Structure formats: structure tokens, C-alpha cells
Amino acid sequence: MSIISSIPVLKGHGGTDLTASPEGLLLRSRHDELSIPGEAIARVRAEGGSVAVELRVPAGAAPAAHRIEGVDAFAATAFADGVNSLLIAPDEEVDGRSLVVLRTFKTRWERSAVRRMKWEALGCLLAIVVLSVIGGTAGGAVYPVGIVMIGAITGACLMGAALELGGWAHRRRIRRHGVKEFARPANVPGMYLYADRAGMTRTVSHFGGAPYLEIAYDPKDPADVFTLRPGLLQRLSIWMAWFLLLCGLGGVAALAAVVADAFGS
């Protein structure tokens, strides 16, 4: 299916959009991207402010479609007409569900980790402010300067260590208790494809040129996937985590020493 400049880009609710590409259609949200090749599409149907991309399914199978809501009705009609005019019926029966590929930008765990880091940063900031006030009240204006400098470095080290150690524990849990699967190379270098239990084809990144990958994914979030054998970068990250933790603990000891000195001055 070739791209035509007259086919509009559809903007929907929640930051979603649907666009035509040379290979088919791309349905994007803030967290993932669904690639629908042209041969997988049976038709595109506009229904007022929504558009449904209906997939080809074998005879007797349940209908399957992907939908975008909250689009302009005029643009939706133009989009459906433009895409439908380019569709070509395949020579043989096609199961479009197996051709659709979902690429996730951020997993649930990653989004949760970002939220935790924001709260940890706020906690570190509050701790620095409190210690600065205590140090300044007890020992004078010079102590808050040292507390802020040491506290900022200490907070960064502790947050970095918590993130890396949490990620290491998460990866270890997935590798031990997740769903085991084999991923096959995609047409894009460094990208492999695997199918989850629901039959959705998903992507996992890995650079190495292996003919296949042994992977494990979280059954509650199939996009949360890791190779069974940790790579060099993952081993380096855990070493860095322990180093940051030691630096953070040293910073805590230094802060305690500064505050104690403020009271003793």
C-alpha cells in the first residue's frame, strides 16, 4: 500500500494518532505503537468521530479490529476512503492478526519507576531543606551550603542505586518466573519479534545477530520482556548500582557529621 499525501493524519483522544505509511498504518499512543501492514487490513470504517481498522481473518474466525476515538468526522471519512482505495485483496487467505506488531515505548514497571523516582526526588529535597535549616540554626550560614552540596550528590547516588537495584531485581524475577518464549529476527536490525499468550506479536531489542533469542516476559504485562541471558551492559549496571549505593551511604555519613559539627560549634 503506497502512501498518498491526501490521506490525513487522524488525531484522537489521549494523544493517539493514526497515520498511513508505505507499509500500512501506524496507530500510536503515548506508550506504544501498533504497526498494521496493508495485507492485514480488510477495510477501514469511519463511524462519525471514530475509525475502525478491520483486519483480515480466516473464514469462521471472530472479527478483529483496532479503533481510534475522538477524531474529526470529516477527516475520518477522508482517511477511510483513501486507505480503502489502496487496499489489494491477497491471493490467499490471510490472518491479519498475526501480521500486526506492537512496539511498547514504556512498560508498566518503567512508568511506575518514574513515578517512584519523582517521589524519591521530592523526599531528598525535603530532607536537604530540613537539614539545612537545622544546620544553619545551630551552627551558622556556612553549614547549609555544605549540606546542600553533599545532600544533592548523596540524593542522586541513592536514587540511582535504588533505580538500578530495583531494575536488577525486576529483571531477575521476570527471568525466573516469567513466560519463556523464543523471539525471531525482524526486518529491522537489532529487533526481534515474539508472540504473547494472547497471540499479539511484540518487539524486543537485542544487538548481536543471533538467529533467535530466548526471552521471558511478565504475563501481566507481555511488553515487559528480557533475554534469558544477561548481557555485559546489564552486568555493568549492577556493579554501578553497588558503587552508587556505597557513595550514597558515604554521603549520609558525611551529612550526619556536618550536622553534628553544627551542633558542636
Protein backbone atom coordinates (compact mmCIF):
# COMPACT_ATOMS: atom_id res chain seq x y z
CA MET A 1 0.00 0.00 0.00
CA SER A 2 1.58 3.28 -1.12
CA ILE A 3 1.31 6.46 0.86
CA ILE A 4 -0.84 9.27 -0.57
CA SER A 5 -0.41 12.83 0.59
CA SER A 6 -4.17 13.39 0.57
CA ILE A 7 -4.70 10.85 3.38
CA PRO A 8 -4.87 12.92 6.59
CA VAL A 9 -3.30 12.14 9.93
CA LEU A 10 -6.02 11.37 12.47
CA LYS A 11 -5.65 12.79 15.99
CA GLY A 12 -7.73 11.07 18.67
CA HIS A 13 -8.32 11.09 22.41
CA GLY A 14 -5.46 10.62 24.86
CA GLY A 15 -2.66 11.55 22.47
CA THR A 16 -3.47 8.78 19.97
CA ASP A 17 -2.99 9.19 16.24
CA LEU A 18 -3.46 7.06 13.13
CA THR A 19 -1.28 7.61 10.07
CA ALA A 20 -0.69 5.94 6.72
CA SER A 21 2.81 4.74 5.87
CA PRO A 22 4.28 2.98 2.82
CA GLU A 23 3.88 -0.37 4.60
CA GLY A 24 0.39 0.15 6.01
CA LEU A 25 -0.97 2.01 9.03
CA LEU A 26 0.57 3.15 12.32
CA LEU A 27 -1.67 3.54 15.37
CA ARG A 28 0.26 5.36 18.10
CA SER A 29 -0.46 6.22 21.70
CA ARG A 30 1.74 7.76 24.38
CA HIS A 31 3.02 4.33 25.43
CA ASP A 32 3.06 2.13 22.31
CA GLU A 33 2.86 1.90 18.54
CA LEU A 34 0.81 -0.61 16.55
CA SER A 35 2.07 -1.41 13.05
CA ILE A 36 -0.66 -2.77 10.75
CA PRO A 37 0.66 -3.89 7.32
CA GLY A 38 -1.53 -3.31 4.29
CA GLU A 39 -2.07 -7.02 3.63
CA ALA A 40 -3.54 -7.41 7.12
CA ILE A 41 -6.28 -4.82 6.54
CA ALA A 42 -9.70 -5.91 5.33
CA ARG A 43 -11.13 -2.37 5.31
CA VAL A 44 -11.19 0.88 7.25
CA ARG A 45 -14.58 2.04 8.50
CA ALA A 46 -15.38 5.59 9.61
CA GLU A 47 -18.16 6.00 12.14
CA GLY A 48 -18.57 9.67 12.98
CA GLY A 49 -15.77 10.57 15.38
CA SER A 50 -14.15 7.10 15.36
CA VAL A 51 -12.31 4.94 12.86
CA ALA A 52 -12.09 1.14 12.96
CA VAL A 53 -9.32 -0.72 11.13
CA GLU A 54 -10.81 -4.15 10.43
CA LEU A 55 -8.32 -6.99 9.99
CA ARG A 56 -8.50 -9.93 7.62
CA VAL A 57 -9.36 -13.12 9.49
CA PRO A 58 -9.82 -16.72 8.34
CA ALA A 59 -13.33 -17.83 7.46
CA GLY A 60 -15.33 -18.56 10.58
CA ALA A 61 -12.99 -16.63 12.91
CA ALA A 62 -14.23 -13.82 15.13
CA PRO A 63 -13.88 -10.31 13.67
CA ALA A 64 -10.86 -8.30 14.79
CA ALA A 65 -10.36 -4.55 14.61
CA HIS A 66 -8.31 -1.71 16.08
CA ARG A 67 -10.03 1.59 16.79
CA ILE A 68 -9.23 5.24 17.36
CA GLU A 69 -11.77 7.53 19.02
CA GLY A 70 -12.30 11.28 19.13
CA VAL A 71 -11.21 12.16 15.57
CA ASP A 72 -12.66 14.75 13.25
CA ALA A 73 -15.59 13.20 11.37
CA PHE A 74 -14.67 14.76 8.00
CA ALA A 75 -11.02 13.67 8.33
CA ALA A 76 -12.14 10.18 9.39
CA THR A 77 -14.20 9.76 6.20
CA ALA A 78 -11.36 11.04 4.02
CA PHE A 79 -8.90 8.73 5.75
CA ALA A 80 -11.11 5.65 5.35
CA ASP A 81 -11.84 6.39 1.68
CA GLY A 82 -8.17 7.00 0.91
CA VAL A 83 -6.92 3.84 2.59
CA ASN A 84 -9.68 1.61 1.23
CA SER A 85 -8.92 2.77 -2.32
CA LEU A 86 -5.36 1.42 -1.94
CA LEU A 87 -6.17 -1.98 -0.47
CA ILE A 88 -5.48 -5.02 -2.63
CA ALA A 89 -7.02 -8.39 -1.85
CA PRO A 90 -4.29 -11.03 -1.21
CA ASP A 91 -4.06 -14.13 -3.41
CA GLU A 92 -4.57 -16.44 -0.44
CA GLU A 93 -6.33 -16.36 2.90
CA VAL A 94 -4.51 -14.17 5.41
CA ASP A 95 -4.81 -13.94 9.18
CA GLY A 96 -4.17 -10.26 9.72
CA ARG A 97 -3.98 -10.68 13.49
CA SER A 98 -0.63 -12.47 13.16
CA LEU A 99 0.82 -9.68 10.99
CA VAL A 100 0.14 -6.81 13.39
CA VAL A 101 3.18 -5.84 15.51
CA LEU A 102 3.00 -3.92 18.79
CA ARG A 103 6.03 -1.93 19.95
CA THR A 104 5.88 -0.61 23.51
CA PHE A 105 7.81 2.52 24.46
CA LYS A 106 7.47 2.23 28.26
CA THR A 107 6.30 -0.78 30.23
CA ARG A 108 4.11 -0.53 33.32
CA TRP A 109 7.13 -1.15 35.53
CA GLU A 110 9.09 1.64 33.84
CA ARG A 111 6.21 4.10 34.26
CA SER A 112 5.92 3.07 37.91
CA ALA A 113 9.68 3.51 38.37
CA VAL A 114 9.50 7.05 37.00
CA ARG A 115 6.72 7.90 39.47
CA ARG A 116 8.77 6.45 42.34
CA MET A 117 11.80 8.49 41.32
CA LYS A 118 9.73 11.69 41.39
CA TRP A 119 8.60 10.95 44.95
CA GLU A 120 12.15 9.98 45.96
CA ALA A 121 13.48 13.24 44.50
CA LEU A 122 10.86 15.17 46.46
CA GLY A 123 11.82 13.30 49.64
CA CYS A 124 15.51 14.06 49.11
CA LEU A 125 14.72 17.73 48.52
CA LEU A 126 12.67 17.97 51.70
CA ALA A 127 15.41 16.21 53.69
CA ILE A 128 18.03 18.66 52.38
CA VAL A 129 15.84 21.65 53.26
CA VAL A 130 15.20 20.37 56.79
CA LEU A 131 18.87 19.57 57.42
CA SER A 132 19.91 22.95 56.01
CA VAL A 133 17.55 24.76 58.36
CA ILE A 134 18.78 22.70 61.31
CA GLY A 135 22.43 23.19 60.40
CA GLY A 136 22.00 26.92 59.77
CA THR A 137 20.12 27.45 63.04
CA ALA A 138 22.63 25.50 65.10
CA GLY A 139 25.93 26.48 63.50
CA GLY A 140 25.57 29.44 61.18
CA ALA A 141 25.14 30.23 57.48
CA VAL A 142 28.14 28.19 56.29
CA TYR A 143 26.59 24.84 57.18
CA PRO A 144 23.59 24.97 54.82
CA VAL A 145 25.97 25.43 51.87
CA GLY A 146 27.83 22.22 52.70
CA ILE A 147 24.61 20.35 53.44
CA VAL A 148 23.08 21.33 50.08
CA MET A 149 26.19 20.28 48.12
CA ILE A 150 26.64 16.96 49.93
CA GLY A 151 22.89 16.31 50.03
CA ALA A 152 22.43 16.79 46.29
CA ILE A 153 25.21 14.30 45.45
CA THR A 154 24.01 11.87 48.11
CA GLY A 155 20.43 12.01 46.88
CA ALA A 156 21.48 11.43 43.28
CA CYS A 157 23.61 8.43 44.26
CA LEU A 158 20.89 6.85 46.40
CA MET A 159 18.22 7.39 43.71
CA GLY A 160 20.48 5.93 41.03
CA ALA A 161 21.28 2.93 43.21
CA ALA A 162 17.60 2.35 44.01
CA LEU A 163 16.70 2.51 40.32
CA GLU A 164 19.44 0.09 39.21
CA LEU A 165 18.92 -2.36 42.09
CA GLY A 166 15.15 -2.29 41.56
CA GLY A 167 15.65 -2.92 37.85
CA TRP A 168 18.03 -5.79 38.55
CA ALA A 169 15.55 -7.43 40.96
CA HIS A 170 12.74 -6.91 38.44
CA ARG A 171 14.71 -8.49 35.59
CA ARG A 172 15.71 -11.40 37.83
CA ARG A 173 12.07 -12.04 38.77
CA ILE A 174 10.95 -11.99 35.13
CA ARG A 175 13.72 -14.37 34.06
CA ARG A 176 12.87 -16.82 36.85
CA HIS A 177 9.08 -16.68 36.88
CA GLY A 178 8.05 -15.12 33.55
CA VAL A 179 6.70 -16.81 30.44
CA LYS A 180 9.53 -18.34 28.39
CA GLU A 181 9.45 -17.85 24.62
CA PHE A 182 11.66 -17.68 21.52
CA ALA A 183 11.97 -14.46 19.52
CA ARG A 184 12.78 -14.40 15.81
CA PRO A 185 14.66 -11.68 13.92
CA ALA A 186 12.61 -8.89 12.36
CA ASN A 187 13.41 -6.99 9.18
CA VAL A 188 14.89 -4.18 11.27
CA PRO A 189 18.46 -4.77 12.58
CA GLY A 190 18.57 -5.24 16.34
CA MET A 191 14.86 -6.02 16.62
CA TYR A 192 13.26 -9.42 17.30
CA LEU A 193 9.61 -10.50 17.32
CA TYR A 194 7.76 -12.77 19.73
CA ALA A 195 4.13 -13.71 20.31
CA ASP A 196 2.50 -13.43 23.72
CA ARG A 197 -0.20 -15.74 25.07
CA ALA A 198 -2.94 -13.63 23.51
CA GLY A 199 -1.38 -14.02 20.06
CA MET A 200 -0.15 -10.43 19.79
CA THR A 201 3.22 -10.05 18.07
CA ARG A 202 5.58 -7.81 20.05
CA THR A 203 9.11 -6.49 19.71
CA VAL A 204 12.26 -6.84 21.80
CA SER A 205 15.58 -5.13 21.09
CA HIS A 206 18.85 -7.04 21.08
CA PHE A 207 22.10 -6.40 19.21
CA GLY A 208 24.16 -9.46 18.45
CA GLY A 209 22.89 -11.07 15.26
CA ALA A 210 21.65 -14.28 16.89
CA PRO A 211 19.28 -16.42 14.75
CA TYR A 212 16.83 -16.43 17.65
CA LEU A 213 16.56 -15.23 21.25
CA GLU A 214 15.45 -16.99 24.40
CA ILE A 215 13.30 -14.50 26.26
CA ALA A 216 10.98 -14.26 29.24
CA TYR A 217 8.15 -11.78 29.72
CA ASP A 218 5.78 -10.78 32.51
CA PRO A 219 2.40 -12.49 31.95
CA LYS A 220 0.65 -9.42 33.43
CA ASP A 221 2.49 -7.09 31.04
CA PRO A 222 3.80 -9.01 28.00
CA ALA A 223 5.74 -5.96 26.81
CA ASP A 224 7.97 -6.31 29.89
CA VAL A 225 10.49 -8.68 28.32
CA PHE A 226 14.15 -9.61 28.80
CA THR A 227 16.58 -12.07 27.30
CA LEU A 228 17.26 -15.09 29.49
CA ARG A 229 21.00 -14.46 29.44
CA PRO A 230 22.03 -11.05 30.84
CA GLY A 231 24.36 -9.05 28.60
CA LEU A 232 27.53 -7.19 29.53
CA LEU A 233 25.70 -3.86 29.96
CA GLN A 234 23.30 -5.41 32.46
CA ARG A 235 26.20 -6.84 34.49
CA LEU A 236 27.90 -3.45 34.44
CA SER A 237 24.70 -1.78 35.65
CA ILE A 238 24.52 -3.91 38.81
CA TRP A 239 28.15 -3.14 39.59
CA MET A 240 27.41 0.54 39.12
CA ALA A 241 24.38 0.19 41.42
CA TRP A 242 26.51 -1.12 44.28
CA PHE A 243 29.07 1.62 43.69
CA LEU A 244 26.36 4.31 43.81
CA LEU A 245 24.91 2.75 46.96
CA LEU A 246 28.31 2.90 48.70
CA CYS A 247 28.72 6.53 47.61
CA GLY A 248 25.22 7.34 48.86
CA LEU A 249 25.85 5.74 52.25
CA GLY A 250 29.11 7.66 52.50
CA GLY A 251 27.17 10.84 51.74
CA VAL A 252 24.66 10.05 54.51
CA ALA A 253 27.56 9.63 56.94
CA ALA A 254 29.04 12.94 55.77
CA LEU A 255 25.70 14.73 56.27
CA ALA A 256 25.42 13.31 59.78
CA ALA A 257 28.97 14.53 60.51
CA VAL A 258 28.20 18.05 59.21
CA VAL A 259 25.00 18.33 61.29
CA ALA A 260 26.81 17.01 64.39
CA ASP A 261 29.57 19.57 63.83
CA ALA A 262 26.97 22.33 63.54
CA PHE A 263 25.59 21.45 66.97
CA GLY A 264 29.09 21.26 68.40
CA SER A 265 30.22 24.64 67.11
